[in-house]
């Protein structure tokens, strides 16, 4: 689950936007890595509670990130971040979205769940007038309606293929949209590495309270898989940030939707899952509406 379509938190570097092909490459690699994390989480769900898998995702995310924070001298900044309340709220939204999403992919194909997660840009558009005071035009509203129709095509309520797991995936999309809104409110105020630290720390702290109740002792092999899952989480999100750092958002944001290709490949190769033809129709509608929202939003900001 990645930060699709959003400029990363923190000031953009002096080199921002001057290497579009490198930015696209970073983004493509990042969104190809994140579904591997999802695949490991789905595999682990056969033997471990979802809450424990979420705990491992954030715990190892944090462990992999700490050496880089210390190496770049961010240790002191971690202790006194700007806008700490927003940092906590952002972390809580991502934690809740991750719980819903991991619960969904434990029960349904990764690509189907990811398609429903992609409603998050529509949630941002719906809430932007209230939370950010942004004006939303007819094109963006039309894209929201189209995205909702796409989500209905994927879920198909009343046609015998509806799964309650779809509700979890939709909930993840709504929560991820709220997470993106708080990310936007933080933009320009904090170094992205600091925000990544708080993402891991808040998730780890929140899940640690549940561990005495749900804990199942992992095997040495599964500890290894959990460590790899955390590496994919931290590495994938770092690559996405680097993508936005090297190219303008309208250039790299549409690349984020290629994540559905990687998710489909992981689901098919690891679990034999492949989206049905009608599901692909819904995916195309959702992705197209998300791209329209990104383009119109960029044009509005330029004006």
C-alpha atoms as a PDB file:
ATOM      1  CA  UNK A   1       0.000   0.000   0.000  1.00  0.00           C
ATOM      2  CA  UNK A   2       1.753   3.096  -1.208  1.00  0.00           C
ATOM      3  CA  UNK A   3       1.421   6.863  -1.176  1.00  0.00           C
ATOM      4  CA  UNK A   4      -0.087   7.038  -4.648  1.00  0.00           C
ATOM      5  CA  UNK A   5      -0.539  10.329  -6.381  1.00  0.00           C
ATOM      6  CA  UNK A   6       0.759  12.554  -3.613  1.00  0.00           C
ATOM      7  CA  UNK A   7       3.724  14.827  -3.247  1.00  0.00           C
ATOM      8  CA  UNK A   8       5.816  13.536  -0.348  1.00  0.00           C
ATOM      9  CA  UNK A   9       5.940  15.264   2.955  1.00  0.00           C
ATOM     10  CA  UNK A  10       8.796  17.687   3.283  1.00  0.00           C
ATOM     11  CA  UNK A  11      10.505  20.312   1.186  1.00  0.00           C
ATOM     12  CA  UNK A  12      11.495  19.317  -2.290  1.00  0.00           C
ATOM     13  CA  UNK A  13      15.195  19.318  -3.010  1.00  0.00           C
ATOM     14  CA  UNK A  14      17.071  21.713  -5.205  1.00  0.00           C
ATOM     15  CA  UNK A  15      17.152  19.010  -7.861  1.00  0.00           C
ATOM     16  CA  UNK A  16      13.387  18.468  -7.709  1.00  0.00           C
ATOM     17  CA  UNK A  17      11.805  18.070 -11.104  1.00  0.00           C
ATOM     18  CA  UNK A  18      15.058  18.138 -13.102  1.00  0.00           C
ATOM     19  CA  UNK A  19      15.258  14.368 -13.830  1.00  0.00           C
ATOM     20  CA  UNK A  20      11.823  13.248 -15.021  1.00  0.00           C
ATOM     21  CA  UNK A  21      12.973   9.874 -16.360  1.00  0.00           C
ATOM     22  CA  UNK A  22      14.764   9.122 -13.095  1.00  0.00           C
ATOM     23  CA  UNK A  23      11.659  10.154 -11.170  1.00  0.00           C
ATOM     24  CA  UNK A  24       9.500   7.833 -13.262  1.00  0.00           C
ATOM     25  CA  UNK A  25      12.000   5.011 -12.717  1.00  0.00           C
ATOM     26  CA  UNK A  26      12.002   5.529  -8.932  1.00  0.00           C
ATOM     27  CA  UNK A  27       8.196   5.583  -8.843  1.00  0.00           C
ATOM     28  CA  UNK A  28       7.837   2.495 -11.059  1.00  0.00           C
ATOM     29  CA  UNK A  29      10.319   0.578  -8.904  1.00  0.00           C
ATOM     30  CA  UNK A  30       8.658   1.724  -5.679  1.00  0.00           C
ATOM     31  CA  UNK A  31       5.148   0.669  -6.697  1.00  0.00           C
ATOM     32  CA  UNK A  32       6.554  -2.642  -7.931  1.00  0.00           C
ATOM     33  CA  UNK A  33       8.131  -3.339  -4.542  1.00  0.00           C
ATOM     34  CA  UNK A  34       5.085  -2.567  -2.366  1.00  0.00           C
ATOM     35  CA  UNK A  35       2.904  -5.437  -3.741  1.00  0.00           C
ATOM     36  CA  UNK A  36       5.685  -7.840  -2.742  1.00  0.00           C
ATOM     37  CA  UNK A  37       5.087  -6.690   0.826  1.00  0.00           C
ATOM     38  CA  UNK A  38       1.371  -7.356   0.306  1.00  0.00           C
ATOM     39  CA  UNK A  39       2.119 -10.840  -1.042  1.00  0.00           C
ATOM     40  CA  UNK A  40       4.184 -11.731   2.027  1.00  0.00           C
ATOM     41  CA  UNK A  41       1.435 -10.393   4.297  1.00  0.00           C
ATOM     42  CA  UNK A  42      -1.164 -12.516   2.494  1.00  0.00           C
ATOM     43  CA  UNK A  43       1.023 -15.617   2.795  1.00  0.00           C
ATOM     44  CA  UNK A  44       1.660 -15.049   6.500  1.00  0.00           C
ATOM     45  CA  UNK A  45      -2.085 -14.612   7.132  1.00  0.00           C
ATOM     46  CA  UNK A  46      -2.507 -18.383   6.815  1.00  0.00           C
ATOM     47  CA  UNK A  47      -0.615 -18.908  10.076  1.00  0.00           C
ATOM     48  CA  UNK A  48      -0.686 -15.613  12.006  1.00  0.00           C
ATOM     49  CA  UNK A  49      -3.327 -13.085  13.093  1.00  0.00           C
ATOM     50  CA  UNK A  50      -3.597 -10.009  10.863  1.00  0.00           C
ATOM     51  CA  UNK A  51      -2.802  -7.712  13.789  1.00  0.00           C
ATOM     52  CA  UNK A  52       0.493  -9.530  14.360  1.00  0.00           C
ATOM     53  CA  UNK A  53       1.382  -9.189  10.666  1.00  0.00           C
ATOM     54  CA  UNK A  54       0.626  -5.457  10.816  1.00  0.00           C
ATOM     55  CA  UNK A  55       2.820  -5.220  13.919  1.00  0.00           C
ATOM     56  CA  UNK A  56       5.679  -6.919  12.070  1.00  0.00           C
ATOM     57  CA  UNK A  57       5.224  -4.647   9.042  1.00  0.00           C
ATOM     58  CA  UNK A  58       5.711  -1.518  11.165  1.00  0.00           C
ATOM     59  CA  UNK A  59       8.316  -2.993  13.522  1.00  0.00           C
ATOM     60  CA  UNK A  60      10.681  -4.007  10.751  1.00  0.00           C
ATOM     61  CA  UNK A  61       9.880  -0.859   8.763  1.00  0.00           C
ATOM     62  CA  UNK A  62      11.231   1.058  11.746  1.00  0.00           C
ATOM     63  CA  UNK A  63      14.250  -1.186  12.274  1.00  0.00           C
ATOM     64  CA  UNK A  64      15.336  -0.853   8.650  1.00  0.00           C
ATOM     65  CA  UNK A  65      14.850   2.919   8.730  1.00  0.00           C
ATOM     66  CA  UNK A  66      16.711   3.720  11.972  1.00  0.00           C
ATOM     67  CA  UNK A  67      20.270   3.266  10.623  1.00  0.00           C
ATOM     68  CA  UNK A  68      19.543   5.677   7.757  1.00  0.00           C
ATOM     69  CA  UNK A  69      18.106   8.259  10.163  1.00  0.00           C
ATOM     70  CA  UNK A  70      21.177   8.085  12.374  1.00  0.00           C
ATOM     71  CA  UNK A  71      23.559   8.076   9.406  1.00  0.00           C
ATOM     72  CA  UNK A  72      22.020  11.295   8.051  1.00  0.00           C
ATOM     73  CA  UNK A  73      21.938  12.957  11.471  1.00  0.00           C
ATOM     74  CA  UNK A  74      18.175  13.079  11.943  1.00  0.00           C
ATOM     75  CA  UNK A  75      18.220  11.682  15.487  1.00  0.00           C
ATOM     76  CA  UNK A  76      17.645  15.035  17.176  1.00  0.00           C
ATOM     77  CA  UNK A  77      14.903  16.037  14.717  1.00  0.00           C
ATOM     78  CA  UNK A  78      12.980  12.867  15.565  1.00  0.00           C
ATOM     79  CA  UNK A  79      12.639  14.014  19.178  1.00  0.00           C
ATOM     80  CA  UNK A  80      11.030  17.373  18.300  1.00  0.00           C
ATOM     81  CA  UNK A  81       9.091  17.147  15.015  1.00  0.00           C
ATOM     82  CA  UNK A  82       7.059  20.019  13.657  1.00  0.00           C
ATOM     83  CA  UNK A  83       3.278  19.625  13.956  1.00  0.00           C
ATOM     84  CA  UNK A  84       3.466  16.519  16.173  1.00  0.00           C
ATOM     85  CA  UNK A  85      -0.323  16.266  16.394  1.00  0.00           C
ATOM     86  CA  UNK A  86      -0.632  15.940  12.630  1.00  0.00           C
ATOM     87  CA  UNK A  87       2.190  13.399  12.608  1.00  0.00           C
ATOM     88  CA  UNK A  88       0.289  11.258  15.118  1.00  0.00           C
ATOM     89  CA  UNK A  89      -3.020  11.640  13.261  1.00  0.00           C
ATOM     90  CA  UNK A  90      -1.360  10.715   9.959  1.00  0.00           C
ATOM     91  CA  UNK A  91       0.217   7.633  11.543  1.00  0.00           C
ATOM     92  CA  UNK A  92      -3.112   6.547  13.055  1.00  0.00           C
ATOM     93  CA  UNK A  93      -4.873   6.847   9.695  1.00  0.00           C
ATOM     94  CA  UNK A  94      -2.191   4.761   7.973  1.00  0.00           C
ATOM     95  CA  UNK A  95      -2.248   2.160  10.762  1.00  0.00           C
ATOM     96  CA  UNK A  96      -6.025   1.784  10.521  1.00  0.00           C
ATOM     97  CA  UNK A  97      -5.849   1.620   6.709  1.00  0.00           C
ATOM     98  CA  UNK A  98      -3.152  -1.066   6.917  1.00  0.00           C
ATOM     99  CA  UNK A  99      -5.210  -3.196   9.321  1.00  0.00           C
ATOM    100  CA  UNK A 100      -8.218  -3.019   6.974  1.00  0.00           C
ATOM    101  CA  UNK A 101      -6.130  -3.661   3.862  1.00  0.00           C
ATOM    102  CA  UNK A 102      -4.178  -6.613   5.273  1.00  0.00           C
ATOM    103  CA  UNK A 103      -7.468  -8.067   6.536  1.00  0.00           C
ATOM    104  CA  UNK A 104      -8.912  -7.690   3.030  1.00  0.00           C
ATOM    105  CA  UNK A 105      -6.009  -9.293   1.149  1.00  0.00           C
ATOM    106  CA  UNK A 106      -6.089 -12.230   3.566  1.00  0.00           C
ATOM    107  CA  UNK A 107      -9.551 -12.994   2.146  1.00  0.00           C
ATOM    108  CA  UNK A 108      -9.513 -11.739  -1.465  1.00  0.00           C
ATOM    109  CA  UNK A 109      -7.064 -11.321  -4.391  1.00  0.00           C
ATOM    110  CA  UNK A 110      -4.468  -8.582  -3.902  1.00  0.00           C
ATOM    111  CA  UNK A 111      -5.306  -6.848  -7.203  1.00  0.00           C
ATOM    112  CA  UNK A 112      -9.022  -6.653  -6.349  1.00  0.00           C
ATOM    113  CA  UNK A 113      -8.292  -5.169  -2.926  1.00  0.00           C
ATOM    114  CA  UNK A 114      -5.775  -2.707  -4.394  1.00  0.00           C
ATOM    115  CA  UNK A 115      -8.326  -1.547  -6.965  1.00  0.00           C
ATOM    116  CA  UNK A 116     -10.698  -0.626  -4.138  1.00  0.00           C
ATOM    117  CA  UNK A 117      -7.846   1.055  -2.247  1.00  0.00           C
ATOM    118  CA  UNK A 118      -7.449   3.344  -5.275  1.00  0.00           C
ATOM    119  CA  UNK A 119     -10.646   5.171  -4.306  1.00  0.00           C
ATOM    120  CA  UNK A 120      -8.445   7.222  -1.947  1.00  0.00           C
ATOM    121  CA  UNK A 121      -7.918  10.118  -4.445  1.00  0.00           C
ATOM    122  CA  UNK A 122     -11.709  10.375  -4.694  1.00  0.00           C
ATOM    123  CA  UNK A 123     -11.946  10.566  -0.903  1.00  0.00           C
ATOM    124  CA  UNK A 124      -9.373  13.369  -0.962  1.00  0.00           C
ATOM    125  CA  UNK A 125     -11.450  15.239  -3.537  1.00  0.00           C
ATOM    126  CA  UNK A 126     -14.634  14.807  -1.505  1.00  0.00           C
ATOM    127  CA  UNK A 127     -13.052  16.079   1.707  1.00  0.00           C
ATOM    128  CA  UNK A 128     -10.698  18.713   0.242  1.00  0.00           C
ATOM    129  CA  UNK A 129     -13.300  21.552   0.328  1.00  0.00           C
ATOM    130  CA  UNK A 130     -13.866  20.982   4.059  1.00  0.00           C
ATOM    131  CA  UNK A 131     -10.374  20.026   5.247  1.00  0.00           C
ATOM    132  CA  UNK A 132      -8.173  22.064   2.894  1.00  0.00           C
ATOM    133  CA  UNK A 133     -10.566  24.775   1.739  1.00  0.00           C
ATOM    134  CA  UNK A 134      -9.970  23.823  -1.898  1.00  0.00           C
ATOM    135  CA  UNK A 135     -12.482  24.492  -4.645  1.00  0.00           C
ATOM    136  CA  UNK A 136     -13.465  21.370  -6.568  1.00  0.00           C
ATOM    137  CA  UNK A 137     -14.642  21.796 -10.166  1.00  0.00           C
ATOM    138  CA  UNK A 138     -17.003  19.792 -12.324  1.00  0.00           C
ATOM    139  CA  UNK A 139     -14.228  17.652 -13.834  1.00  0.00           C
ATOM    140  CA  UNK A 140     -13.022  16.413 -10.456  1.00  0.00           C
ATOM    141  CA  UNK A 141     -16.578  15.804  -9.228  1.00  0.00           C
ATOM    142  CA  UNK A 142     -17.298  13.850 -12.410  1.00  0.00           C
ATOM    143  CA  UNK A 143     -14.154  11.780 -11.838  1.00  0.00           C
ATOM    144  CA  UNK A 144     -15.316  11.017  -8.279  1.00  0.00           C
ATOM    145  CA  UNK A 145     -18.678   9.752  -9.569  1.00  0.00           C
ATOM    146  CA  UNK A 146     -16.912   7.648 -12.219  1.00  0.00           C
ATOM    147  CA  UNK A 147     -14.539   6.215  -9.604  1.00  0.00           C
ATOM    148  CA  UNK A 148     -17.474   5.272  -7.391  1.00  0.00           C
ATOM    149  CA  UNK A 149     -19.092   3.469 -10.331  1.00  0.00           C
ATOM    150  CA  UNK A 150     -15.781   1.676 -10.937  1.00  0.00           C
ATOM    151  CA  UNK A 151     -15.705   0.559  -7.302  1.00  0.00           C
ATOM    152  CA  UNK A 152     -19.258  -0.805  -7.638  1.00  0.00           C
ATOM    153  CA  UNK A 153     -18.161  -2.774 -10.707  1.00  0.00           C
ATOM    154  CA  UNK A 154     -15.299  -4.345  -8.716  1.00  0.00           C
ATOM    155  CA  UNK A 155     -17.470  -5.110  -5.682  1.00  0.00           C
ATOM    156  CA  UNK A 156     -20.616  -6.018  -7.684  1.00  0.00           C
ATOM    157  CA  UNK A 157     -23.077  -6.028  -4.761  1.00  0.00           C
ATOM    158  CA  UNK A 158     -26.049  -8.274  -5.314  1.00  0.00           C
ATOM    159  CA  UNK A 159     -24.446 -10.302  -8.128  1.00  0.00           C
ATOM    160  CA  UNK A 160     -23.291 -13.286  -6.104  1.00  0.00           C
ATOM    161  CA  UNK A 161     -19.606 -12.327  -6.013  1.00  0.00           C
ATOM    162  CA  UNK A 162     -19.834  -9.749  -3.234  1.00  0.00           C
ATOM    163  CA  UNK A 163     -17.432 -10.397  -0.363  1.00  0.00           C
ATOM    164  CA  UNK A 164     -17.376  -8.718   3.000  1.00  0.00           C
ATOM    165  CA  UNK A 165     -13.625  -8.440   2.409  1.00  0.00           C
ATOM    166  CA  UNK A 166     -14.544  -5.791  -0.177  1.00  0.00           C
ATOM    167  CA  UNK A 167     -15.954  -3.654   2.638  1.00  0.00           C
ATOM    168  CA  UNK A 168     -12.583  -3.892   4.398  1.00  0.00           C
ATOM    169  CA  UNK A 169     -10.793  -2.863   1.202  1.00  0.00           C
ATOM    170  CA  UNK A 170     -13.160   0.076   0.713  1.00  0.00           C
ATOM    171  CA  UNK A 171     -12.616   1.066   4.354  1.00  0.00           C
ATOM    172  CA  UNK A 172      -8.867   0.956   3.708  1.00  0.00           C
ATOM    173  CA  UNK A 173      -9.384   3.272   0.723  1.00  0.00           C
ATOM    174  CA  UNK A 174     -11.345   5.784   2.805  1.00  0.00           C
ATOM    175  CA  UNK A 175      -8.780   5.734   5.615  1.00  0.00           C
ATOM    176  CA  UNK A 176      -5.929   5.991   3.121  1.00  0.00           C
ATOM    177  CA  UNK A 177      -7.610   9.059   1.654  1.00  0.00           C
ATOM    178  CA  UNK A 178      -7.677  10.640   5.127  1.00  0.00           C
ATOM    179  CA  UNK A 179      -4.008   9.700   5.497  1.00  0.00           C
ATOM    180  CA  UNK A 180      -3.231  11.459   2.196  1.00  0.00           C
ATOM    181  CA  UNK A 181      -5.070  14.576   3.368  1.00  0.00           C
ATOM    182  CA  UNK A 182      -2.981  14.777   6.537  1.00  0.00           C
ATOM    183  CA  UNK A 183       0.137  14.126   4.445  1.00  0.00           C
ATOM    184  CA  UNK A 184      -0.774  17.136   2.316  1.00  0.00           C
ATOM    185  CA  UNK A 185      -1.295  19.282   5.413  1.00  0.00           C
ATOM    186  CA  UNK A 186       2.220  18.321   6.529  1.00  0.00           C
ATOM    187  CA  UNK A 187       3.791  19.028   3.126  1.00  0.00           C
ATOM    188  CA  UNK A 188       6.778  21.361   3.335  1.00  0.00           C
ATOM    189  CA  UNK A 189       7.014  21.259   7.121  1.00  0.00           C
ATOM    190  CA  UNK A 190       9.015  18.102   7.848  1.00  0.00           C
ATOM    191  CA  UNK A 191      11.783  16.059   6.261  1.00  0.00           C
ATOM    192  CA  UNK A 192      10.305  12.935   4.586  1.00  0.00           C
ATOM    193  CA  UNK A 193      12.659  10.656   6.565  1.00  0.00           C
ATOM    194  CA  UNK A 194      11.251  12.013   9.842  1.00  0.00           C
ATOM    195  CA  UNK A 195       7.712  11.387   8.651  1.00  0.00           C
ATOM    196  CA  UNK A 196       8.644   7.832   7.623  1.00  0.00           C
ATOM    197  CA  UNK A 197      10.023   7.309  11.133  1.00  0.00           C
ATOM    198  CA  UNK A 198       6.763   8.403  12.754  1.00  0.00           C
ATOM    199  CA  UNK A 199       4.821   6.222  10.321  1.00  0.00           C
ATOM    200  CA  UNK A 200       6.676   3.189  11.666  1.00  0.00           C
ATOM    201  CA  UNK A 201       6.763   4.298  15.308  1.00  0.00           C
ATOM    202  CA  UNK A 202       3.041   5.013  15.616  1.00  0.00           C
ATOM    203  CA  UNK A 203       2.117   1.772  13.855  1.00  0.00           C
ATOM    204  CA  UNK A 204       4.448  -0.229  16.072  1.00  0.00           C
ATOM    205  CA  UNK A 205       3.195   1.428  19.264  1.00  0.00           C
ATOM    206  CA  UNK A 206      -0.461   1.001  18.342  1.00  0.00           C
ATOM    207  CA  UNK A 207      -0.119  -2.681  17.460  1.00  0.00           C
ATOM    208  CA  UNK A 208       2.102  -3.543  20.447  1.00  0.00           C
ATOM    209  CA  UNK A 209      -0.875  -3.162  22.797  1.00  0.00           C
ATOM    210  CA  UNK A 210      -2.659  -6.010  21.012  1.00  0.00           C
ATOM    211  CA  UNK A 211       0.293  -8.403  20.860  1.00  0.00           C
ATOM    212  CA  UNK A 212      -0.126 -10.036  24.306  1.00  0.00           C
ATOM    213  CA  UNK A 213      -3.633 -11.097  23.213  1.00  0.00           C
ATOM    214  CA  UNK A 214      -3.023 -12.305  19.644  1.00  0.00           C
ATOM    215  CA  UNK A 215       0.659 -13.297  19.609  1.00  0.00           C
ATOM    216  CA  UNK A 216       1.608 -16.538  17.852  1.00  0.00           C
ATOM    217  CA  UNK A 217       5.363 -17.367  18.152  1.00  0.00           C
ATOM    218  CA  UNK A 218       6.829 -17.119  14.612  1.00  0.00           C
ATOM    219  CA  UNK A 219       9.182 -19.735  13.251  1.00  0.00           C
ATOM    220  CA  UNK A 220      12.724 -18.596  12.352  1.00  0.00           C
ATOM    221  CA  UNK A 221      11.789 -18.708   8.656  1.00  0.00           C
ATOM    222  CA  UNK A 222       8.705 -16.567   9.234  1.00  0.00           C
ATOM    223  CA  UNK A 223      10.753 -14.052  11.245  1.00  0.00           C
ATOM    224  CA  UNK A 224      12.845 -13.753   8.095  1.00  0.00           C
ATOM    225  CA  UNK A 225       9.780 -13.190   5.932  1.00  0.00           C
ATOM    226  CA  UNK A 226       8.549 -10.526   8.347  1.00  0.00           C
ATOM    227  CA  UNK A 227      11.914  -8.764   8.133  1.00  0.00           C
ATOM    228  CA  UNK A 228      11.746  -8.851   4.326  1.00  0.00           C
ATOM    229  CA  UNK A 229       8.186  -7.497   4.462  1.00  0.00           C
ATOM    230  CA  UNK A 230       9.366  -4.550   6.553  1.00  0.00           C
ATOM    231  CA  UNK A 231      12.231  -3.913   4.138  1.00  0.00           C
ATOM    232  CA  UNK A 232       9.808  -3.842   1.201  1.00  0.00           C
ATOM    233  CA  UNK A 233       7.556  -1.430   3.119  1.00  0.00           C
ATOM    234  CA  UNK A 234      10.301   1.045   4.012  1.00  0.00           C
ATOM    235  CA  UNK A 235      12.152   0.666   0.705  1.00  0.00           C
ATOM    236  CA  UNK A 236       9.063   0.980  -1.460  1.00  0.00           C
ATOM    237  CA  UNK A 237       7.865   4.145   0.231  1.00  0.00           C
ATOM    238  CA  UNK A 238      11.375   5.635   0.132  1.00  0.00           C
ATOM    239  CA  UNK A 239      11.592   5.002  -3.633  1.00  0.00           C
ATOM    240  CA  UNK A 240       8.195   6.662  -4.129  1.00  0.00           C
ATOM    241  CA  UNK A 241       9.409   9.727  -2.234  1.00  0.00           C
ATOM    242  CA  UNK A 242      12.543   9.824  -4.405  1.00  0.00           C
ATOM    243  CA  UNK A 243      10.317   9.631  -7.477  1.00  0.00           C
ATOM    244  CA  UNK A 244       8.409  12.736  -6.449  1.00  0.00           C
ATOM    245  CA  UNK A 245      11.689  14.404  -5.546  1.00  0.00           C
ATOM    246  CA  UNK A 246      13.121  13.961  -9.058  1.00  0.00           C
ATOM    247  CA  UNK A 247      10.102  14.814 -11.205  1.00  0.00           C
ATOM    248  CA  UNK A 248       6.916  16.926 -10.987  1.00  0.00           C
ATOM    249  CA  UNK A 249       3.899  15.236  -9.429  1.00  0.00           C
ATOM    250  CA  UNK A 250       1.827  15.161 -12.684  1.00  0.00           C
ATOM    251  CA  UNK A 251       4.654  13.238 -14.357  1.00  0.00           C
ATOM    252  CA  UNK A 252       5.095  10.519 -11.726  1.00  0.00           C
ATOM    253  CA  UNK A 253       1.615  10.292 -10.144  1.00  0.00           C
ATOM    254  CA  UNK A 254       0.033   8.327 -13.036  1.00  0.00           C
ATOM    255  CA  UNK A 255       2.941   5.857 -12.844  1.00  0.00           C
ATOM    256  CA  UNK A 256       1.702   4.908  -9.365  1.00  0.00           C
ATOM    257  CA  UNK A 257      -1.280   3.171 -10.931  1.00  0.00           C
ATOM    258  CA  UNK A 258       1.020   0.611 -12.549  1.00  0.00           C
ATOM    259  CA  UNK A 259       1.071  -0.900  -9.068  1.00  0.00           C
ATOM    260  CA  UNK A 260      -2.003  -2.832 -10.165  1.00  0.00           C
ATOM    261  CA  UNK A 261       0.175  -4.682 -12.704  1.00  0.00           C
ATOM    262  CA  UNK A 262       2.708  -5.703 -10.045  1.00  0.00           C
ATOM    263  CA  UNK A 263      -0.109  -6.654  -7.659  1.00  0.00           C
ATOM    264  CA  UNK A 264      -1.716  -8.823 -10.338  1.00  0.00           C
ATOM    265  CA  UNK A 265       1.613 -10.534 -11.061  1.00  0.00           C
ATOM    266  CA  UNK A 266       2.261 -11.226  -7.365  1.00  0.00           C
ATOM    267  CA  UNK A 267      -1.274 -12.532  -6.867  1.00  0.00           C
ATOM    268  CA  UNK A 268      -1.132 -14.789  -9.907  1.00  0.00           C
ATOM    269  CA  UNK A 269       2.378 -16.185  -9.386  1.00  0.00           C
ATOM    270  CA  UNK A 270       2.079 -16.709  -5.627  1.00  0.00           C
ATOM    271  CA  UNK A 271      -1.599 -17.543  -5.149  1.00  0.00           C
ATOM    272  CA  UNK A 272      -3.056 -18.285  -8.587  1.00  0.00           C
ATOM    273  CA  UNK A 273      -5.401 -15.277  -8.375  1.00  0.00           C
ATOM    274  CA  UNK A 274      -6.278 -13.288 -11.487  1.00  0.00           C
ATOM    275  CA  UNK A 275      -8.954 -10.559 -11.693  1.00  0.00           C
ATOM    276  CA  UNK A 276     -12.105 -11.421 -13.623  1.00  0.00           C
ATOM    277  CA  UNK A 277     -12.853  -9.566 -16.869  1.00  0.00           C
ATOM    278  CA  UNK A 278     -15.520  -7.385 -15.243  1.00  0.00           C
ATOM    279  CA  UNK A 279     -13.145  -6.573 -12.401  1.00  0.00           C
ATOM    280  CA  UNK A 280     -10.654  -5.238 -14.968  1.00  0.00           C
ATOM    281  CA  UNK A 281     -13.374  -2.922 -16.286  1.00  0.00           C
ATOM    282  CA  UNK A 282     -13.826  -1.511 -12.779  1.00  0.00           C
ATOM    283  CA  UNK A 283     -10.071  -1.198 -12.321  1.00  0.00           C
ATOM    284  CA  UNK A 284      -9.733   0.796 -15.560  1.00  0.00           C
ATOM    285  CA  UNK A 285     -12.582   3.124 -14.533  1.00  0.00           C
ATOM    286  CA  UNK A 286     -11.088   3.711 -11.062  1.00  0.00           C
ATOM    287  CA  UNK A 287      -7.564   4.311 -12.393  1.00  0.00           C
ATOM    288  CA  UNK A 288      -8.782   6.659 -15.131  1.00  0.00           C
ATOM    289  CA  UNK A 289     -10.797   8.705 -12.643  1.00  0.00           C
ATOM    290  CA  UNK A 290      -7.768   8.916 -10.344  1.00  0.00           C
ATOM    291  CA  UNK A 291      -5.560  10.185 -13.171  1.00  0.00           C
ATOM    292  CA  UNK A 292      -8.187  12.794 -14.150  1.00  0.00           C
ATOM    293  CA  UNK A 293      -8.312  14.007 -10.545  1.00  0.00           C
ATOM    294  CA  UNK A 294      -4.498  14.277 -10.400  1.00  0.00           C
ATOM    295  CA  UNK A 295      -4.287  16.237 -13.670  1.00  0.00           C
ATOM    296  CA  UNK A 296      -7.127  18.632 -12.826  1.00  0.00           C
ATOM    297  CA  UNK A 297      -5.757  19.162  -9.323  1.00  0.00           C
ATOM    298  CA  UNK A 298      -2.336  20.088 -10.748  1.00  0.00           C
ATOM    299  CA  UNK A 299      -3.858  22.550 -13.214  1.00  0.00           C
ATOM    300  CA  UNK A 300      -5.934  24.146 -10.457  1.00  0.00           C
ATOM    301  CA  UNK A 301      -2.853  24.612  -8.250  1.00  0.00           C
ATOM    302  CA  UNK A 302      -0.880  26.153 -11.124  1.00  0.00           C
ATOM    303  CA  UNK A 303      -3.623  28.732 -11.620  1.00  0.00           C
END
